[in-house]
Amino acid sequence: MIFVWLISILNFAFPTNFYNLLFNLLEFLNVAIACFTIFKVFLLRGLLLRLTLIFTLHSTNTVIIVSNNKSPPLANWISSEVH
């Protein structure tokens, strides 16, 4: 966001095509970083949820079978008790 403010000030001071191009590139980069951060947060949250489920169910003698197809991860969890 600081990059966008900086280039906005430069674009106001020097209105040329170079600064418009630079502003557009940095705005794209800012959006890309935001999307990657959101993706990383959801990825880590899913990993932590899986680890929590594995340790919780392992401590209660429960087996988890995870299928390997492309549907959502939590829809693939099948648990069965160990007798």
PDB file of N, CA and C in Angstrom:
ATOM      1  N   MET A   1       0.833  -1.193   0.000  1.00  0.00           N
ATOM      2  CA  MET A   1       0.000   0.000   0.000  1.00  0.00           C
ATOM      3  C   MET A   1       0.876   1.255   0.000  1.00  0.00           C
ATOM      4  N   ILE A   2       2.010   1.176   0.669  1.00  0.00           N
ATOM      5  CA  ILE A   2       2.918   2.324   0.689  1.00  0.00           C
ATOM      6  C   ILE A   2       3.432   2.612  -0.715  1.00  0.00           C
ATOM      7  N   PHE A   3       3.676   1.523  -1.492  1.00  0.00           N
ATOM      8  CA  PHE A   3       4.118   1.714  -2.874  1.00  0.00           C
ATOM      9  C   PHE A   3       3.083   2.488  -3.681  1.00  0.00           C
ATOM     10  N   VAL A   4       1.807   2.150  -3.464  1.00  0.00           N
ATOM     11  CA  VAL A   4       0.741   2.814  -4.220  1.00  0.00           C
ATOM     12  C   VAL A   4       0.687   4.289  -3.865  1.00  0.00           C
ATOM     13  N   TRP A   5       0.816   4.616  -2.580  1.00  0.00           N
ATOM     14  CA  TRP A   5       0.805   6.033  -2.173  1.00  0.00           C
ATOM     15  C   TRP A   5       1.996   6.776  -2.762  1.00  0.00           C
ATOM     16  N   LEU A   6       3.163   6.135  -2.715  1.00  0.00           N
ATOM     17  CA  LEU A   6       4.367   6.771  -3.240  1.00  0.00           C
ATOM     18  C   LEU A   6       4.241   7.053  -4.733  1.00  0.00           C
ATOM     19  N   ILE A   7       3.782   6.055  -5.473  1.00  0.00           N
ATOM     20  CA  ILE A   7       3.650   6.248  -6.913  1.00  0.00           C
ATOM     21  C   ILE A   7       2.508   7.217  -7.220  1.00  0.00           C
ATOM     22  N   SER A   8       1.481   7.263  -6.394  1.00  0.00           N
ATOM     23  CA  SER A   8       0.419   8.250  -6.603  1.00  0.00           C
ATOM     24  C   SER A   8       0.967   9.667  -6.460  1.00  0.00           C
ATOM     25  N   ILE A   9       1.816   9.885  -5.473  1.00  0.00           N
ATOM     26  CA  ILE A   9       2.424  11.208  -5.292  1.00  0.00           C
ATOM     27  C   ILE A   9       3.325  11.536  -6.479  1.00  0.00           C
ATOM     28  N   LEU A  10       4.133  10.550  -6.913  1.00  0.00           N
ATOM     29  CA  LEU A  10       5.000  10.776  -8.069  1.00  0.00           C
ATOM     30  C   LEU A  10       4.187  10.997  -9.345  1.00  0.00           C
ATOM     31  N   ASN A  11       3.082  10.271  -9.467  1.00  0.00           N
ATOM     32  CA  ASN A  11       2.242  10.421 -10.646  1.00  0.00           C
ATOM     33  C   ASN A  11       1.589  11.806 -10.675  1.00  0.00           C
ATOM     34  N   PHE A  12       1.247  12.334  -9.514  1.00  0.00           N
ATOM     35  CA  PHE A  12       0.681  13.681  -9.456  1.00  0.00           C
ATOM     36  C   PHE A  12       1.754  14.727  -9.761  1.00  0.00           C
ATOM     37  N   ALA A  13       2.974  14.485  -9.292  1.00  0.00           N
ATOM     38  CA  ALA A  13       4.044  15.451  -9.516  1.00  0.00           C
ATOM     39  C   ALA A  13       4.563  15.399 -10.953  1.00  0.00           C
ATOM     40  N   PHE A  14       4.667  14.189 -11.508  1.00  0.00           N
ATOM     41  CA  PHE A  14       5.201  14.023 -12.863  1.00  0.00           C
ATOM     42  C   PHE A  14       4.234  13.172 -13.687  1.00  0.00           C
ATOM     43  N   PRO A  15       3.194  13.782 -14.252  1.00  0.00           N
ATOM     44  CA  PRO A  15       2.195  12.977 -14.986  1.00  0.00           C
ATOM     45  C   PRO A  15       2.695  12.543 -16.360  1.00  0.00           C
ATOM     46  N   THR A  16       3.437  11.464 -16.404  1.00  0.00           N
ATOM     47  CA  THR A  16       3.933  10.929 -17.673  1.00  0.00           C
ATOM     48  C   THR A  16       3.472   9.490 -17.816  1.00  0.00           C
ATOM     49  N   ASN A  17       3.643   8.955 -19.014  1.00  0.00           N
ATOM     50  CA  ASN A  17       3.234   7.568 -19.252  1.00  0.00           C
ATOM     51  C   ASN A  17       4.080   6.585 -18.447  1.00  0.00           C
ATOM     52  N   PHE A  18       5.322   6.928 -18.174  1.00  0.00           N
ATOM     53  CA  PHE A  18       6.183   6.039 -17.393  1.00  0.00           C
ATOM     54  C   PHE A  18       5.618   5.833 -15.988  1.00  0.00           C
ATOM     55  N   TYR A  19       5.195   6.941 -15.364  1.00  0.00           N
ATOM     56  CA  TYR A  19       4.666   6.800 -14.005  1.00  0.00           C
ATOM     57  C   TYR A  19       3.301   6.128 -14.004  1.00  0.00           C
ATOM     58  N   ASN A  20       2.516   6.315 -15.066  1.00  0.00           N
ATOM     59  CA  ASN A  20       1.249   5.573 -15.157  1.00  0.00           C
ATOM     60  C   ASN A  20       1.508   4.074 -15.273  1.00  0.00           C
ATOM     61  N   LEU A  21       2.484   3.715 -16.090  1.00  0.00           N
ATOM     62  CA  LEU A  21       2.841   2.305 -16.228  1.00  0.00           C
ATOM     63  C   LEU A  21       3.371   1.749 -14.914  1.00  0.00           C
ATOM     64  N   LEU A  22       4.234   2.501 -14.251  1.00  0.00           N
ATOM     65  CA  LEU A  22       4.777   2.056 -12.972  1.00  0.00           C
ATOM     66  C   LEU A  22       3.680   1.905 -11.922  1.00  0.00           C
ATOM     67  N   PHE A  23       2.745   2.853 -11.912  1.00  0.00           N
ATOM     68  CA  PHE A  23       1.633   2.780 -10.974  1.00  0.00           C
ATOM     69  C   PHE A  23       0.794   1.532 -11.234  1.00  0.00           C
ATOM     70  N   ASN A  24       0.509   1.240 -12.506  1.00  0.00           N
ATOM     71  CA  ASN A  24      -0.290   0.062 -12.838  1.00  0.00           C
ATOM     72  C   ASN A  24       0.437  -1.227 -12.447  1.00  0.00           C
ATOM     73  N   LEU A  25       1.740  -1.276 -12.683  1.00  0.00           N
ATOM     74  CA  LEU A  25       2.500  -2.473 -12.315  1.00  0.00           C
ATOM     75  C   LEU A  25       2.530  -2.675 -10.800  1.00  0.00           C
ATOM     76  N   LEU A  26       2.728  -1.601 -10.061  1.00  0.00           N
ATOM     77  CA  LEU A  26       2.765  -1.738  -8.603  1.00  0.00           C
ATOM     78  C   LEU A  26       1.386  -2.040  -8.027  1.00  0.00           C
ATOM     79  N   GLU A  27       0.342  -1.530  -8.661  1.00  0.00           N
ATOM     80  CA  GLU A  27      -1.003  -1.868  -8.199  1.00  0.00           C
ATOM     81  C   GLU A  27      -1.271  -3.353  -8.434  1.00  0.00           C
ATOM     82  N   PHE A  28      -0.862  -3.866  -9.598  1.00  0.00           N
ATOM     83  CA  PHE A  28      -0.998  -5.295  -9.876  1.00  0.00           C
ATOM     84  C   PHE A  28      -0.196  -6.114  -8.870  1.00  0.00           C
ATOM     85  N   LEU A  29       1.028  -5.673  -8.573  1.00  0.00           N
ATOM     86  CA  LEU A  29       1.869  -6.380  -7.606  1.00  0.00           C
ATOM     87  C   LEU A  29       1.237  -6.379  -6.214  1.00  0.00           C
ATOM     88  N   ASN A  30       0.634  -5.255  -5.845  1.00  0.00           N
ATOM     89  CA  ASN A  30      -0.027  -5.153  -4.549  1.00  0.00           C
ATOM     90  C   ASN A  30      -1.191  -6.139  -4.455  1.00  0.00           C
ATOM     91  N   VAL A  31      -1.993  -6.219  -5.509  1.00  0.00           N
ATOM     92  CA  VAL A  31      -3.116  -7.165  -5.527  1.00  0.00           C
ATOM     93  C   VAL A  31      -2.608  -8.601  -5.511  1.00  0.00           C
ATOM     94  N   ALA A  32      -1.534  -8.869  -6.263  1.00  0.00           N
ATOM     95  CA  ALA A  32      -0.984 -10.229  -6.289  1.00  0.00           C
ATOM     96  C   ALA A  32      -0.462 -10.643  -4.909  1.00  0.00           C
ATOM     97  N   ILE A  33       0.205  -9.729  -4.223  1.00  0.00           N
ATOM     98  CA  ILE A  33       0.708 -10.037  -2.871  1.00  0.00           C
ATOM     99  C   ILE A  33      -0.454 -10.275  -1.915  1.00  0.00           C
ATOM    100  N   ALA A  34      -1.509  -9.471  -2.039  1.00  0.00           N
ATOM    101  CA  ALA A  34      -2.680  -9.655  -1.168  1.00  0.00           C
ATOM    102  C   ALA A  34      -3.335 -11.008  -1.428  1.00  0.00           C
ATOM    103  N   CYS A  35      -3.486 -11.380  -2.703  1.00  0.00           N
ATOM    104  CA  CYS A  35      -4.095 -12.684  -3.021  1.00  0.00           C
ATOM    105  C   CYS A  35      -3.222 -13.831  -2.514  1.00  0.00           C
ATOM    106  N   PHE A  36      -1.910 -13.718  -2.674  1.00  0.00           N
ATOM    107  CA  PHE A  36      -1.014 -14.764  -2.201  1.00  0.00           C
ATOM    108  C   PHE A  36      -1.071 -14.884  -0.675  1.00  0.00           C
ATOM    109  N   THR A  37      -1.153 -13.746   0.019  1.00  0.00           N
ATOM    110  CA  THR A  37      -1.231 -13.771   1.480  1.00  0.00           C
ATOM    111  C   THR A  37      -2.512 -14.442   1.942  1.00  0.00           C
ATOM    112  N   ILE A  38      -3.634 -14.110   1.295  1.00  0.00           N
ATOM    113  CA  ILE A  38      -4.909 -14.735   1.661  1.00  0.00           C
ATOM    114  C   ILE A  38      -4.847 -16.240   1.404  1.00  0.00           C
ATOM    115  N   PHE A  39      -4.287 -16.619   0.237  1.00  0.00           N
ATOM    116  CA  PHE A  39      -4.157 -18.043  -0.087  1.00  0.00           C
ATOM    117  C   PHE A  39      -3.288 -18.756   0.938  1.00  0.00           C
ATOM    118  N   LYS A  40      -2.170 -18.109   1.341  1.00  0.00           N
ATOM    119  CA  LYS A  40      -1.260 -18.720   2.303  1.00  0.00           C
ATOM    120  C   LYS A  40      -1.939 -18.892   3.662  1.00  0.00           C
ATOM    121  N   VAL A  41      -2.729 -17.903   4.066  1.00  0.00           N
ATOM    122  CA  VAL A  41      -3.438 -17.996   5.357  1.00  0.00           C
ATOM    123  C   VAL A  41      -4.416 -19.162   5.338  1.00  0.00           C
ATOM    124  N   PHE A  42      -5.190 -19.289   4.232  1.00  0.00           N
ATOM    125  CA  PHE A  42      -6.140 -20.399   4.160  1.00  0.00           C
ATOM    126  C   PHE A  42      -5.425 -21.735   4.083  1.00  0.00           C
ATOM    127  N   LEU A  43      -4.295 -21.787   3.374  1.00  0.00           N
ATOM    128  CA  LEU A  43      -3.534 -23.026   3.275  1.00  0.00           C
ATOM    129  C   LEU A  43      -3.005 -23.447   4.641  1.00  0.00           C
ATOM    130  N   LEU A  44      -2.434 -22.489   5.380  1.00  0.00           N
ATOM    131  CA  LEU A  44      -1.915 -22.808   6.713  1.00  0.00           C
ATOM    132  C   LEU A  44      -3.036 -23.158   7.676  1.00  0.00           C
ATOM    133  N   ARG A  45      -4.181 -22.473   7.553  1.00  0.00           N
ATOM    134  CA  ARG A  45      -5.299 -22.786   8.438  1.00  0.00           C
ATOM    135  C   ARG A  45      -5.786 -24.212   8.185  1.00  0.00           C
ATOM    136  N   GLY A  46      -5.848 -24.615   6.889  1.00  0.00           N
ATOM    137  CA  GLY A  46      -6.255 -25.979   6.584  1.00  0.00           C
ATOM    138  C   GLY A  46      -5.259 -27.000   7.099  1.00  0.00           C
ATOM    139  N   LEU A  47      -3.955 -26.691   6.974  1.00  0.00           N
ATOM    140  CA  LEU A  47      -2.926 -27.602   7.469  1.00  0.00           C
ATOM    141  C   LEU A  47      -3.006 -27.737   8.985  1.00  0.00           C
ATOM    142  N   LEU A  48      -3.189 -26.614   9.693  1.00  0.00           N
ATOM    143  CA  LEU A  48      -3.295 -26.675  11.146  1.00  0.00           C
ATOM    144  C   LEU A  48      -4.548 -27.418  11.578  1.00  0.00           C
ATOM    145  N   LEU A  49      -5.652 -27.232  10.824  1.00  0.00           N
ATOM    146  CA  LEU A  49      -6.875 -27.954  11.151  1.00  0.00           C
ATOM    147  C   LEU A  49      -6.686 -29.453  10.977  1.00  0.00           C
ATOM    148  N   ARG A  50      -6.005 -29.846   9.886  1.00  0.00           N
ATOM    149  CA  ARG A  50      -5.749 -31.273   9.677  1.00  0.00           C
ATOM    150  C   ARG A  50      -4.866 -31.851  10.769  1.00  0.00           C
ATOM    151  N   LEU A  51      -3.792 -31.124  11.124  1.00  0.00           N
ATOM    152  CA  LEU A  51      -2.911 -31.627  12.184  1.00  0.00           C
ATOM    153  C   LEU A  51      -3.651 -31.735  13.507  1.00  0.00           C
ATOM    154  N   THR A  52      -4.517 -30.743  13.797  1.00  0.00           N
ATOM    155  CA  THR A  52      -5.297 -30.793  15.039  1.00  0.00           C
ATOM    156  C   THR A  52      -6.218 -32.000  15.035  1.00  0.00           C
ATOM    157  N   LEU A  53      -6.884 -32.230  13.890  1.00  0.00           N
ATOM    158  CA  LEU A  53      -7.769 -33.393  13.812  1.00  0.00           C
ATOM    159  C   LEU A  53      -6.986 -34.696  13.951  1.00  0.00           C
ATOM    160  N   ILE A  54      -5.820 -34.775  13.316  1.00  0.00           N
ATOM    161  CA  ILE A  54      -5.030 -36.010  13.391  1.00  0.00           C
ATOM    162  C   ILE A  54      -4.615 -36.287  14.832  1.00  0.00           C
ATOM    163  N   PHE A  55      -4.090 -35.260  15.530  1.00  0.00           N
ATOM    164  CA  PHE A  55      -3.645 -35.494  16.903  1.00  0.00           C
ATOM    165  C   PHE A  55      -4.822 -35.751  17.837  1.00  0.00           C
ATOM    166  N   THR A  56      -5.937 -35.055  17.615  1.00  0.00           N
ATOM    167  CA  THR A  56      -7.102 -35.271  18.478  1.00  0.00           C
ATOM    168  C   THR A  56      -7.658 -36.669  18.290  1.00  0.00           C
ATOM    169  N   LEU A  57      -7.828 -37.068  17.028  1.00  0.00           N
ATOM    170  CA  LEU A  57      -8.402 -38.383  16.777  1.00  0.00           C
ATOM    171  C   LEU A  57      -7.410 -39.494  17.094  1.00  0.00           C
ATOM    172  N   HIS A  58      -6.108 -39.223  16.968  1.00  0.00           N
ATOM    173  CA  HIS A  58      -5.116 -40.226  17.337  1.00  0.00           C
ATOM    174  C   HIS A  58      -5.137 -40.477  18.836  1.00  0.00           C
ATOM    175  N   SER A  59      -5.359 -39.426  19.595  1.00  0.00           N
ATOM    176  CA  SER A  59      -5.387 -39.605  21.049  1.00  0.00           C
ATOM    177  C   SER A  59      -6.647 -40.316  21.503  1.00  0.00           C
ATOM    178  N   THR A  60      -7.690 -40.352  20.660  1.00  0.00           N
ATOM    179  CA  THR A  60      -8.904 -41.084  21.030  1.00  0.00           C
ATOM    180  C   THR A  60      -9.026 -42.390  20.247  1.00  0.00           C
ATOM    181  N   ASN A  61      -7.892 -42.925  19.752  1.00  0.00           N
ATOM    182  CA  ASN A  61      -7.836 -44.201  19.024  1.00  0.00           C
ATOM    183  C   ASN A  61      -8.781 -44.225  17.830  1.00  0.00           C
ATOM    184  N   THR A  62      -8.697 -43.216  16.991  1.00  0.00           N
ATOM    185  CA  THR A  62      -9.527 -43.138  15.793  1.00  0.00           C
ATOM    186  C   THR A  62      -8.625 -43.047  14.582  1.00  0.00           C
ATOM    187  N   VAL A  63      -8.987 -43.765  13.527  1.00  0.00           N
ATOM    188  CA  VAL A  63      -8.196 -43.778  12.299  1.00  0.00           C
ATOM    189  C   VAL A  63      -8.825 -42.811  11.302  1.00  0.00           C
ATOM    190  N   ILE A  64      -7.983 -42.045  10.611  1.00  0.00           N
ATOM    191  CA  ILE A  64      -8.468 -41.131   9.572  1.00  0.00           C
ATOM    192  C   ILE A  64      -8.003 -41.659   8.224  1.00  0.00           C
ATOM    193  N   ILE A  65      -8.936 -41.766   7.296  1.00  0.00           N
ATOM    194  CA  ILE A  65      -8.596 -42.142   5.925  1.00  0.00           C
ATOM    195  C   ILE A  65      -8.859 -40.922   5.060  1.00  0.00           C
ATOM    196  N   VAL A  66      -7.822 -40.428   4.383  1.00  0.00           N
ATOM    197  CA  VAL A  66      -7.961 -39.242   3.549  1.00  0.00           C
ATOM    198  C   VAL A  66      -7.907 -39.683   2.097  1.00  0.00           C
ATOM    199  N   SER A  67      -8.971 -39.412   1.349  1.00  0.00           N
ATOM    200  CA  SER A  67      -8.953 -39.755  -0.076  1.00  0.00           C
ATOM    201  C   SER A  67      -8.145 -38.721  -0.833  1.00  0.00           C
ATOM    202  N   ASN A  68      -7.732 -39.074  -2.044  1.00  0.00           N
ATOM    203  CA  ASN A  68      -6.759 -38.249  -2.759  1.00  0.00           C
ATOM    204  C   ASN A  68      -7.345 -37.622  -4.017  1.00  0.00           C
ATOM    205  N   ASN A  69      -8.675 -37.462  -4.099  1.00  0.00           N
ATOM    206  CA  ASN A  69      -9.236 -36.832  -5.295  1.00  0.00           C
ATOM    207  C   ASN A  69      -9.273 -35.314  -5.115  1.00  0.00           C
ATOM    208  N   LYS A  70      -9.884 -34.597  -6.065  1.00  0.00           N
ATOM    209  CA  LYS A  70      -9.766 -33.146  -6.093  1.00  0.00           C
ATOM    210  C   LYS A  70     -10.938 -32.429  -5.445  1.00  0.00           C
ATOM    211  N   SER A  71     -11.779 -33.111  -4.698  1.00  0.00           N
ATOM    212  CA  SER A  71     -12.862 -32.412  -4.028  1.00  0.00           C
ATOM    213  C   SER A  71     -12.334 -31.706  -2.773  1.00  0.00           C
ATOM    214  N   PRO A  72     -13.155 -30.873  -2.121  1.00  0.00           N
ATOM    215  CA  PRO A  72     -12.659 -30.133  -0.953  1.00  0.00           C
ATOM    216  C   PRO A  72     -12.109 -31.060   0.126  1.00  0.00           C
ATOM    217  N   PRO A  73     -11.030 -30.641   0.795  1.00  0.00           N
ATOM    218  CA  PRO A  73     -10.320 -31.554   1.696  1.00  0.00           C
ATOM    219  C   PRO A  73     -11.175 -32.086   2.838  1.00  0.00           C
ATOM    220  N   LEU A  74     -12.000 -31.229   3.451  1.00  0.00           N
ATOM    221  CA  LEU A  74     -12.748 -31.683   4.616  1.00  0.00           C
ATOM    222  C   LEU A  74     -13.870 -32.632   4.228  1.00  0.00           C
ATOM    223  N   ALA A  75     -14.293 -32.600   2.945  1.00  0.00           N
ATOM    224  CA  ALA A  75     -15.341 -33.521   2.514  1.00  0.00           C
ATOM    225  C   ALA A  75     -14.798 -34.934   2.331  1.00  0.00           C
ATOM    226  N   ASN A  76     -13.490 -35.102   2.328  1.00  0.00           N
ATOM    227  CA  ASN A  76     -12.892 -36.409   2.059  1.00  0.00           C
ATOM    228  C   ASN A  76     -12.541 -37.180   3.320  1.00  0.00           C
ATOM    229  N   TRP A  77     -12.787 -36.618   4.461  1.00  0.00           N
ATOM    230  CA  TRP A  77     -12.348 -37.265   5.690  1.00  0.00           C
ATOM    231  C   TRP A  77     -13.359 -38.330   6.097  1.00  0.00           C
ATOM    232  N   ILE A  78     -12.864 -39.538   6.223  1.00  0.00           N
ATOM    233  CA  ILE A  78     -13.711 -40.636   6.693  1.00  0.00           C
ATOM    234  C   ILE A  78     -13.019 -41.172   7.942  1.00  0.00           C
ATOM    235  N   SER A  79     -13.726 -41.165   9.038  1.00  0.00           N
ATOM    236  CA  SER A  79     -13.098 -41.675  10.256  1.00  0.00           C
ATOM    237  C   SER A  79     -13.834 -42.928  10.720  1.00  0.00           C
ATOM    238  N   SER A  80     -13.084 -43.854  11.241  1.00  0.00           N
ATOM    239  CA  SER A  80     -13.691 -45.068  11.781  1.00  0.00           C
ATOM    240  C   SER A  80     -12.950 -45.439  13.053  1.00  0.00           C
ATOM    241  N   GLU A  81     -13.685 -45.922  14.006  1.00  0.00           N
ATOM    242  CA  GLU A  81     -13.061 -46.266  15.279  1.00  0.00           C
ATOM    243  C   GLU A  81     -12.285 -47.564  15.158  1.00  0.00           C
ATOM    244  N   VAL A  82     -11.201 -47.642  15.899  1.00  0.00           N
ATOM    245  CA  VAL A  82     -10.399 -48.861  15.946  1.00  0.00           C
ATOM    246  C   VAL A  82     -10.954 -49.753  17.046  1.00  0.00           C
ATOM    247  N   HIS A  83     -11.262 -50.984  16.687  1.00  0.00           N
ATOM    248  CA  HIS A  83     -11.846 -51.904  17.680  1.00  0.00           C
ATOM    249  C   HIS A  83     -10.779 -52.772  18.291  1.00  0.00           C
TER     250      HIS A  83
END
